[in-house]
Amino acid sequence: MHRIFALSLASAALLLNGCSTNPSTPANPPLSNAPLASCKVSSPAEIAGLFERWNKSLISADPQQVLRNYATDSVLLPTLSNVPRLTPAAKEDYFEHFLANRPSGKIDSRTIQLGCNSAVDIGLYTFTFAKTGAVVHARYTYTYVWDGQQWLISSHHSSGMPEK
């Protein structure tokens, strides 16, 4: 079920970006008469590295460092809150509380899907909280967008595993 959802997110991102994953293929014409935007060439390793960048910013314990990973209009559906975080201020509020317990994440399994100026990283991860010793196993989906200079998180959904 999550794989289907992630595919639809990736497909929507491709449509919104107005380019195909292989612009040189005649079977993938532009969606309009507008010139085809150039696509950022990426790799699974590069996208996997974005989680490491995000995790290092968590370890910094500085909410502003964490927020630098997110696009301004990104959506955060966090692991430990029922409140969607839609603004930079709302995300900062979440991370101020989340970082207080000194979290560190580790990927347990993942699937990476690449698109035109977009990517999706879907899987399972585990957080360990150094302050409390708590361990949380969760599912995640990160969608990324290339802003012309760097990859930024456009949406981030994380939820605790429902079955113990």
N, C-alpha and C. Protein backbone atom coordinates (compact mmCIF):
# COMPACT_ATOMS: atom_id res chain seq x y z
N MET A 1 0.82 -1.19 0.00
CA MET A 1 0.00 0.00 0.00
C MET A 1 0.87 1.26 0.00
N HIS A 2 1.92 1.29 0.81
CA HIS A 2 2.77 2.46 0.86
C HIS A 2 3.54 2.63 -0.44
N ARG A 3 3.89 1.54 -1.09
CA ARG A 3 4.61 1.63 -2.35
C ARG A 3 3.73 2.30 -3.41
N ILE A 4 2.45 1.97 -3.44
CA ILE A 4 1.52 2.58 -4.40
C ILE A 4 1.40 4.07 -4.11
N PHE A 5 1.28 4.45 -2.85
CA PHE A 5 1.18 5.85 -2.47
C PHE A 5 2.44 6.60 -2.90
N ALA A 6 3.59 6.01 -2.64
CA ALA A 6 4.85 6.66 -2.99
C ALA A 6 4.97 6.82 -4.49
N LEU A 7 4.53 5.81 -5.25
CA LEU A 7 4.58 5.94 -6.70
C LEU A 7 3.71 7.09 -7.17
N SER A 8 2.54 7.24 -6.56
CA SER A 8 1.68 8.34 -6.99
C SER A 8 2.30 9.68 -6.62
N LEU A 9 2.99 9.77 -5.50
CA LEU A 9 3.68 11.01 -5.14
C LEU A 9 4.77 11.32 -6.16
N ALA A 10 5.55 10.31 -6.51
CA ALA A 10 6.62 10.52 -7.48
C ALA A 10 6.04 10.92 -8.83
N SER A 11 4.97 10.28 -9.24
CA SER A 11 4.34 10.62 -10.51
C SER A 11 3.81 12.04 -10.48
N ALA A 12 3.19 12.42 -9.38
CA ALA A 12 2.67 13.79 -9.25
C ALA A 12 3.81 14.79 -9.31
N ALA A 13 4.91 14.48 -8.66
CA ALA A 13 6.05 15.39 -8.68
C ALA A 13 6.57 15.56 -10.10
N LEU A 14 6.61 14.47 -10.86
CA LEU A 14 7.06 14.56 -12.24
C LEU A 14 6.13 15.45 -13.05
N LEU A 15 4.83 15.28 -12.87
CA LEU A 15 3.87 16.10 -13.60
C LEU A 15 3.99 17.56 -13.22
N LEU A 16 4.14 17.82 -11.91
CA LEU A 16 4.23 19.21 -11.46
C LEU A 16 5.51 19.86 -11.95
N ASN A 17 6.59 19.10 -12.04
CA ASN A 17 7.85 19.66 -12.51
C ASN A 17 7.87 19.84 -14.02
N GLY A 18 6.93 19.23 -14.73
CA GLY A 18 6.83 19.44 -16.16
C GLY A 18 7.94 18.84 -16.97
N CYS A 19 8.52 17.76 -16.52
CA CYS A 19 9.55 17.11 -17.32
C CYS A 19 9.44 15.61 -17.14
N SER A 20 10.04 14.89 -18.02
CA SER A 20 10.01 13.44 -17.93
C SER A 20 11.34 12.95 -17.39
N THR A 21 11.39 11.67 -17.01
CA THR A 21 12.63 11.14 -16.48
C THR A 21 13.66 10.91 -17.57
N ASN A 22 13.23 10.84 -18.82
CA ASN A 22 14.15 10.64 -19.93
C ASN A 22 13.70 11.54 -21.08
N PRO A 23 14.10 12.80 -21.05
CA PRO A 23 13.58 13.75 -22.01
C PRO A 23 13.97 13.45 -23.45
N SER A 24 14.97 12.64 -23.70
CA SER A 24 15.39 12.39 -25.07
C SER A 24 14.54 11.32 -25.76
N THR A 25 13.68 10.66 -25.01
CA THR A 25 12.86 9.60 -25.57
C THR A 25 11.59 10.19 -26.17
N PRO A 26 11.32 9.94 -27.48
CA PRO A 26 10.11 10.48 -28.09
C PRO A 26 8.83 10.04 -27.40
N ALA A 27 8.84 8.90 -26.73
CA ALA A 27 7.65 8.41 -26.03
C ALA A 27 7.33 9.25 -24.80
N ASN A 28 8.26 10.13 -24.41
CA ASN A 28 8.07 10.98 -23.24
C ASN A 28 8.05 12.45 -23.66
N PRO A 29 7.04 12.90 -24.39
CA PRO A 29 7.03 14.30 -24.83
C PRO A 29 6.75 15.23 -23.67
N PRO A 30 7.08 16.51 -23.82
CA PRO A 30 6.73 17.48 -22.78
C PRO A 30 5.22 17.50 -22.58
N LEU A 31 4.78 17.86 -21.37
CA LEU A 31 3.37 17.89 -21.06
C LEU A 31 2.68 19.12 -21.62
N SER A 32 3.45 20.09 -22.08
CA SER A 32 2.88 21.30 -22.68
C SER A 32 3.79 21.74 -23.81
N ASN A 33 3.48 22.88 -24.41
CA ASN A 33 4.34 23.41 -25.45
C ASN A 33 5.53 24.16 -24.89
N ALA A 34 5.59 24.30 -23.58
CA ALA A 34 6.70 24.99 -22.94
C ALA A 34 7.97 24.18 -23.12
N PRO A 35 9.13 24.83 -23.14
CA PRO A 35 10.38 24.09 -23.25
C PRO A 35 10.55 23.12 -22.09
N LEU A 36 11.15 22.00 -22.36
CA LEU A 36 11.36 20.97 -21.35
C LEU A 36 12.41 21.45 -20.35
N ALA A 37 12.09 21.42 -19.07
CA ALA A 37 13.04 21.78 -18.03
C ALA A 37 14.13 20.72 -17.97
N SER A 38 15.33 21.10 -17.59
CA SER A 38 16.37 20.10 -17.46
C SER A 38 16.21 19.38 -16.13
N CYS A 39 16.56 18.13 -16.15
CA CYS A 39 16.40 17.30 -14.96
C CYS A 39 17.73 17.11 -14.26
N LYS A 40 17.72 17.19 -12.96
CA LYS A 40 18.88 16.90 -12.14
C LYS A 40 19.13 15.41 -12.18
N VAL A 41 20.30 15.03 -12.61
CA VAL A 41 20.68 13.62 -12.63
C VAL A 41 21.08 13.23 -11.22
N SER A 42 20.47 12.18 -10.70
CA SER A 42 20.74 11.75 -9.34
C SER A 42 21.01 10.26 -9.32
N SER A 43 21.28 9.75 -8.14
CA SER A 43 21.52 8.31 -7.96
C SER A 43 20.93 7.89 -6.62
N PRO A 44 20.67 6.61 -6.46
CA PRO A 44 20.20 6.14 -5.15
C PRO A 44 21.18 6.50 -4.03
N ALA A 45 22.47 6.45 -4.30
CA ALA A 45 23.45 6.78 -3.26
C ALA A 45 23.35 8.24 -2.85
N GLU A 46 23.15 9.14 -3.82
CA GLU A 46 23.01 10.55 -3.49
C GLU A 46 21.77 10.78 -2.63
N ILE A 47 20.66 10.16 -2.99
CA ILE A 47 19.42 10.34 -2.24
C ILE A 47 19.54 9.71 -0.85
N ALA A 48 20.19 8.55 -0.75
CA ALA A 48 20.42 7.94 0.56
C ALA A 48 21.25 8.87 1.45
N GLY A 49 22.18 9.59 0.86
CA GLY A 49 23.01 10.53 1.61
C GLY A 49 22.21 11.68 2.21
N LEU A 50 21.05 11.97 1.64
CA LEU A 50 20.23 13.05 2.18
C LEU A 50 19.69 12.71 3.57
N PHE A 51 19.41 11.41 3.81
CA PHE A 51 19.00 11.03 5.16
C PHE A 51 20.16 11.24 6.12
N GLU A 52 21.38 10.90 5.70
CA GLU A 52 22.55 11.09 6.56
C GLU A 52 22.74 12.58 6.88
N ARG A 53 22.54 13.44 5.88
CA ARG A 53 22.62 14.89 6.10
C ARG A 53 21.59 15.31 7.15
N TRP A 54 20.35 14.82 7.00
CA TRP A 54 19.27 15.15 7.93
C TRP A 54 19.60 14.63 9.34
N ASN A 55 20.07 13.40 9.42
CA ASN A 55 20.39 12.79 10.71
C ASN A 55 21.52 13.56 11.41
N LYS A 56 22.53 13.99 10.67
CA LYS A 56 23.60 14.80 11.27
C LYS A 56 23.05 16.11 11.81
N SER A 57 22.07 16.68 11.12
CA SER A 57 21.49 17.92 11.63
C SER A 57 20.70 17.65 12.91
N LEU A 58 20.10 16.47 13.05
CA LEU A 58 19.42 16.11 14.31
C LEU A 58 20.43 16.06 15.45
N ILE A 59 21.54 15.43 15.18
CA ILE A 59 22.56 15.25 16.22
C ILE A 59 23.12 16.59 16.68
N SER A 60 23.03 17.62 15.83
CA SER A 60 23.50 18.95 16.20
C SER A 60 22.66 19.55 17.33
N ALA A 61 21.42 19.06 17.49
CA ALA A 61 20.46 19.56 18.48
C ALA A 61 20.01 20.99 18.19
N ASP A 62 20.24 21.47 16.96
CA ASP A 62 19.87 22.82 16.56
C ASP A 62 18.71 22.75 15.57
N PRO A 63 17.49 23.17 15.99
CA PRO A 63 16.34 23.10 15.08
C PRO A 63 16.57 23.83 13.75
N GLN A 64 17.32 24.92 13.77
CA GLN A 64 17.58 25.66 12.53
C GLN A 64 18.39 24.83 11.53
N GLN A 65 19.33 24.04 12.03
CA GLN A 65 20.09 23.16 11.13
C GLN A 65 19.18 22.12 10.51
N VAL A 66 18.26 21.58 11.29
CA VAL A 66 17.31 20.59 10.77
C VAL A 66 16.42 21.23 9.71
N LEU A 67 15.92 22.43 9.99
CA LEU A 67 15.02 23.11 9.06
C LEU A 67 15.67 23.42 7.72
N ARG A 68 16.98 23.57 7.67
CA ARG A 68 17.67 23.84 6.40
C ARG A 68 17.52 22.69 5.40
N ASN A 69 17.10 21.53 5.87
CA ASN A 69 16.88 20.38 4.99
C ASN A 69 15.52 20.44 4.29
N TYR A 70 14.63 21.31 4.74
CA TYR A 70 13.24 21.34 4.28
C TYR A 70 12.97 22.53 3.36
N ALA A 71 12.20 22.30 2.30
CA ALA A 71 11.70 23.40 1.48
C ALA A 71 10.75 24.24 2.34
N THR A 72 10.68 25.54 2.05
CA THR A 72 9.84 26.44 2.84
C THR A 72 8.39 25.97 2.91
N ASP A 73 7.87 25.48 1.79
CA ASP A 73 6.46 25.06 1.74
C ASP A 73 6.28 23.55 1.96
N SER A 74 7.26 22.92 2.57
CA SER A 74 7.20 21.47 2.81
C SER A 74 6.15 21.11 3.85
N VAL A 75 5.81 19.84 3.86
CA VAL A 75 4.85 19.29 4.83
C VAL A 75 5.58 18.26 5.69
N LEU A 76 5.45 18.38 6.99
CA LEU A 76 6.00 17.41 7.94
C LEU A 76 4.86 16.78 8.71
N LEU A 77 4.72 15.46 8.58
CA LEU A 77 3.78 14.69 9.40
C LEU A 77 4.67 13.86 10.33
N PRO A 78 4.97 14.39 11.52
CA PRO A 78 6.02 13.84 12.36
C PRO A 78 5.66 12.56 13.11
N THR A 79 6.70 11.89 13.53
CA THR A 79 6.59 10.62 14.25
C THR A 79 5.88 10.78 15.59
N LEU A 80 6.24 11.79 16.34
CA LEU A 80 5.78 11.90 17.73
C LEU A 80 4.82 13.05 17.96
N SER A 81 4.01 13.37 16.97
CA SER A 81 3.01 14.42 17.11
C SER A 81 1.86 14.14 16.16
N ASN A 82 0.65 14.48 16.59
CA ASN A 82 -0.53 14.33 15.74
C ASN A 82 -0.79 15.57 14.89
N VAL A 83 0.02 16.61 15.05
CA VAL A 83 -0.20 17.88 14.39
C VAL A 83 0.63 17.97 13.11
N PRO A 84 -0.01 18.14 11.94
CA PRO A 84 0.76 18.39 10.72
C PRO A 84 1.52 19.71 10.85
N ARG A 85 2.77 19.70 10.41
CA ARG A 85 3.62 20.90 10.50
C ARG A 85 3.78 21.46 9.10
N LEU A 86 3.10 22.58 8.82
CA LEU A 86 3.02 23.13 7.47
C LEU A 86 3.85 24.38 7.25
N THR A 87 4.28 25.02 8.32
CA THR A 87 5.07 26.24 8.20
C THR A 87 6.44 26.02 8.83
N PRO A 88 7.41 26.85 8.45
CA PRO A 88 8.72 26.73 9.12
C PRO A 88 8.62 26.87 10.64
N ALA A 89 7.78 27.78 11.12
CA ALA A 89 7.62 27.95 12.58
C ALA A 89 7.05 26.70 13.23
N ALA A 90 6.09 26.06 12.59
CA ALA A 90 5.50 24.84 13.15
C ALA A 90 6.51 23.70 13.16
N LYS A 91 7.33 23.60 12.12
CA LYS A 91 8.37 22.57 12.08
C LYS A 91 9.42 22.84 13.16
N GLU A 92 9.79 24.11 13.31
CA GLU A 92 10.76 24.47 14.34
C GLU A 92 10.24 24.08 15.72
N ASP A 93 8.97 24.35 15.98
CA ASP A 93 8.35 23.99 17.27
C ASP A 93 8.47 22.48 17.51
N TYR A 94 8.16 21.69 16.49
CA TYR A 94 8.26 20.24 16.64
C TYR A 94 9.70 19.83 16.95
N PHE A 95 10.64 20.33 16.16
CA PHE A 95 12.02 19.89 16.34
C PHE A 95 12.63 20.38 17.64
N GLU A 96 12.19 21.51 18.17
CA GLU A 96 12.67 21.94 19.48
C GLU A 96 12.37 20.89 20.53
N HIS A 97 11.17 20.30 20.48
CA HIS A 97 10.79 19.27 21.45
C HIS A 97 11.44 17.93 21.11
N PHE A 98 11.44 17.57 19.84
CA PHE A 98 12.01 16.29 19.41
C PHE A 98 13.50 16.21 19.73
N LEU A 99 14.23 17.28 19.48
CA LEU A 99 15.68 17.28 19.69
C LEU A 99 16.07 17.27 21.16
N ALA A 100 15.16 17.66 22.04
CA ALA A 100 15.47 17.70 23.47
C ALA A 100 15.89 16.33 24.00
N ASN A 101 15.41 15.25 23.37
CA ASN A 101 15.75 13.90 23.83
C ASN A 101 16.94 13.29 23.08
N ARG A 102 17.63 14.13 22.29
CA ARG A 102 18.85 13.75 21.56
C ARG A 102 18.67 12.49 20.70
N PRO A 103 17.84 12.62 19.65
CA PRO A 103 17.58 11.48 18.77
C PRO A 103 18.72 11.22 17.78
N SER A 104 18.79 9.97 17.38
CA SER A 104 19.68 9.56 16.29
C SER A 104 18.95 8.47 15.52
N GLY A 105 18.90 8.62 14.19
CA GLY A 105 18.18 7.67 13.37
C GLY A 105 19.09 6.70 12.64
N LYS A 106 18.53 5.53 12.33
CA LYS A 106 19.25 4.51 11.56
C LYS A 106 18.25 3.88 10.60
N ILE A 107 18.61 3.82 9.33
CA ILE A 107 17.75 3.19 8.32
C ILE A 107 17.81 1.68 8.49
N ASP A 108 16.64 1.05 8.54
CA ASP A 108 16.56 -0.41 8.62
C ASP A 108 16.32 -1.03 7.25
N SER A 109 15.50 -0.40 6.43
CA SER A 109 15.28 -0.84 5.06
C SER A 109 14.74 0.33 4.26
N ARG A 110 15.00 0.34 2.95
CA ARG A 110 14.56 1.48 2.15
C ARG A 110 14.37 1.09 0.69
N THR A 111 13.53 1.90 0.02
CA THR A 111 13.36 1.87 -1.42
C THR A 111 13.50 3.31 -1.88
N ILE A 112 14.32 3.53 -2.90
CA ILE A 112 14.51 4.88 -3.44
C ILE A 112 14.00 4.90 -4.87
N GLN A 113 13.21 5.93 -5.17
CA GLN A 113 12.68 6.12 -6.52
C GLN A 113 13.14 7.48 -7.01
N LEU A 114 13.65 7.52 -8.24
CA LEU A 114 14.19 8.75 -8.81
C LEU A 114 13.27 9.30 -9.87
N GLY A 115 13.12 10.59 -9.92
CA GLY A 115 12.33 11.26 -10.94
C GLY A 115 13.07 12.47 -11.46
N CYS A 116 12.37 13.27 -12.20
CA CYS A 116 12.92 14.50 -12.75
C CYS A 116 12.85 15.59 -11.67
N ASN A 117 14.00 15.95 -11.15
CA ASN A 117 14.08 16.97 -10.10
C ASN A 117 13.30 16.58 -8.85
N SER A 118 13.07 15.29 -8.70
CA SER A 118 12.37 14.79 -7.52
C SER A 118 12.88 13.39 -7.20
N ALA A 119 12.71 13.01 -5.95
CA ALA A 119 13.09 11.66 -5.52
C ALA A 119 12.25 11.32 -4.31
N VAL A 120 12.09 10.01 -4.08
CA VAL A 120 11.34 9.53 -2.94
C VAL A 120 12.19 8.47 -2.25
N ASP A 121 12.28 8.56 -0.93
CA ASP A 121 12.98 7.58 -0.10
C ASP A 121 11.95 7.05 0.90
N ILE A 122 11.64 5.76 0.80
CA ILE A 122 10.57 5.14 1.58
C ILE A 122 11.16 3.96 2.34
N GLY A 123 10.78 3.79 3.59
CA GLY A 123 11.27 2.61 4.29
C GLY A 123 10.94 2.59 5.76
N LEU A 124 11.82 1.91 6.47
CA LEU A 124 11.70 1.75 7.92
C LEU A 124 12.97 2.29 8.57
N TYR A 125 12.80 2.97 9.70
CA TYR A 125 13.96 3.42 10.44
C TYR A 125 13.72 3.28 11.93
N THR A 126 14.81 3.38 12.69
CA THR A 126 14.76 3.27 14.14
C THR A 126 15.42 4.50 14.73
N PHE A 127 14.75 5.11 15.68
CA PHE A 127 15.33 6.22 16.43
C PHE A 127 15.71 5.75 17.81
N THR A 128 16.88 6.15 18.25
CA THR A 128 17.33 5.95 19.62
C THR A 128 17.47 7.33 20.24
N PHE A 129 16.92 7.49 21.43
CA PHE A 129 16.96 8.77 22.12
C PHE A 129 17.96 8.68 23.26
N ALA A 130 19.09 9.36 23.12
CA ALA A 130 20.19 9.25 24.09
C ALA A 130 19.78 9.72 25.48
N LYS A 131 18.93 10.73 25.57
CA LYS A 131 18.55 11.28 26.88
C LYS A 131 17.69 10.31 27.67
N THR A 132 16.77 9.60 27.00
CA THR A 132 15.82 8.75 27.72
C THR A 132 16.11 7.25 27.55
N GLY A 133 16.89 6.90 26.53
CA GLY A 133 17.13 5.50 26.23
C GLY A 133 16.01 4.86 25.42
N ALA A 134 14.98 5.62 25.11
CA ALA A 134 13.84 5.09 24.34
C ALA A 134 14.27 4.75 22.91
N VAL A 135 13.61 3.74 22.36
CA VAL A 135 13.83 3.32 20.98
C VAL A 135 12.47 3.30 20.29
N VAL A 136 12.39 3.94 19.12
CA VAL A 136 11.15 4.00 18.36
C VAL A 136 11.40 3.45 16.96
N HIS A 137 10.62 2.43 16.59
CA HIS A 137 10.67 1.88 15.24
C HIS A 137 9.55 2.55 14.45
N ALA A 138 9.88 3.04 13.25
CA ALA A 138 8.88 3.81 12.50
C ALA A 138 9.00 3.56 11.00
N ARG A 139 7.93 3.91 10.29
CA ARG A 139 7.91 3.93 8.83
C ARG A 139 8.16 5.37 8.41
N TYR A 140 8.72 5.55 7.22
CA TYR A 140 8.96 6.92 6.76
C TYR A 140 8.78 7.03 5.26
N THR A 141 8.48 8.23 4.82
CA THR A 141 8.52 8.62 3.42
C THR A 141 9.07 10.03 3.36
N TYR A 142 10.18 10.20 2.67
CA TYR A 142 10.71 11.53 2.37
C TYR A 142 10.53 11.74 0.88
N THR A 143 9.95 12.86 0.49
CA THR A 143 9.98 13.27 -0.91
C THR A 143 10.92 14.46 -0.99
N TYR A 144 11.71 14.47 -2.03
CA TYR A 144 12.70 15.52 -2.22
C TYR A 144 12.44 16.25 -3.53
N VAL A 145 12.80 17.52 -3.53
CA VAL A 145 12.72 18.32 -4.74
C VAL A 145 14.09 19.01 -4.94
N TRP A 146 14.52 19.07 -6.20
CA TRP A 146 15.75 19.78 -6.52
C TRP A 146 15.38 21.24 -6.75
N ASP A 147 15.96 22.16 -6.00
CA ASP A 147 15.60 23.58 -6.12
C ASP A 147 16.52 24.35 -7.08
N GLY A 148 17.34 23.64 -7.80
CA GLY A 148 18.31 24.26 -8.71
C GLY A 148 19.70 24.32 -8.12
N GLN A 149 19.79 24.15 -6.78
CA GLN A 149 21.08 24.19 -6.10
C GLN A 149 21.29 23.01 -5.16
N GLN A 150 20.20 22.54 -4.57
CA GLN A 150 20.32 21.45 -3.60
C GLN A 150 19.01 20.69 -3.51
N TRP A 151 19.10 19.47 -2.94
CA TRP A 151 17.91 18.68 -2.66
C TRP A 151 17.32 19.14 -1.34
N LEU A 152 16.01 19.35 -1.32
CA LEU A 152 15.30 19.73 -0.10
C LEU A 152 14.13 18.78 0.11
N ILE A 153 13.78 18.57 1.35
CA ILE A 153 12.63 17.74 1.68
C ILE A 153 11.37 18.53 1.35
N SER A 154 10.52 17.96 0.50
CA SER A 154 9.25 18.62 0.17
C SER A 154 8.11 18.04 1.01
N SER A 155 8.23 16.78 1.42
CA SER A 155 7.30 16.21 2.38
C SER A 155 8.01 15.11 3.15
N HIS A 156 7.63 14.97 4.39
CA HIS A 156 8.23 13.98 5.29
C HIS A 156 7.12 13.43 6.17
N HIS A 157 6.86 12.15 5.98
CA HIS A 157 5.86 11.47 6.80
C HIS A 157 6.56 10.39 7.59
N SER A 158 6.28 10.33 8.87
CA SER A 158 6.88 9.33 9.74
C SER A 158 5.83 8.88 10.74
N SER A 159 5.70 7.58 10.91
CA SER A 159 4.74 7.08 11.90
C SER A 159 5.29 5.83 12.56
N GLY A 160 5.02 5.73 13.84
CA GLY A 160 5.45 4.56 14.59
C GLY A 160 4.85 3.29 14.02
N MET A 161 5.57 2.19 14.15
CA MET A 161 5.07 0.91 13.66
C MET A 161 3.82 0.53 14.44
N PRO A 162 2.75 0.13 13.75
CA PRO A 162 1.49 -0.15 14.42
C PRO A 162 1.49 -1.47 15.19
N GLU A 163 2.30 -2.42 14.77
CA GLU A 163 2.31 -3.73 15.44
C GLU A 163 3.55 -3.85 16.29
N LYS A 164 3.38 -4.33 17.49
CA LYS A 164 4.51 -4.50 18.41
C LYS A 164 5.23 -5.80 18.13
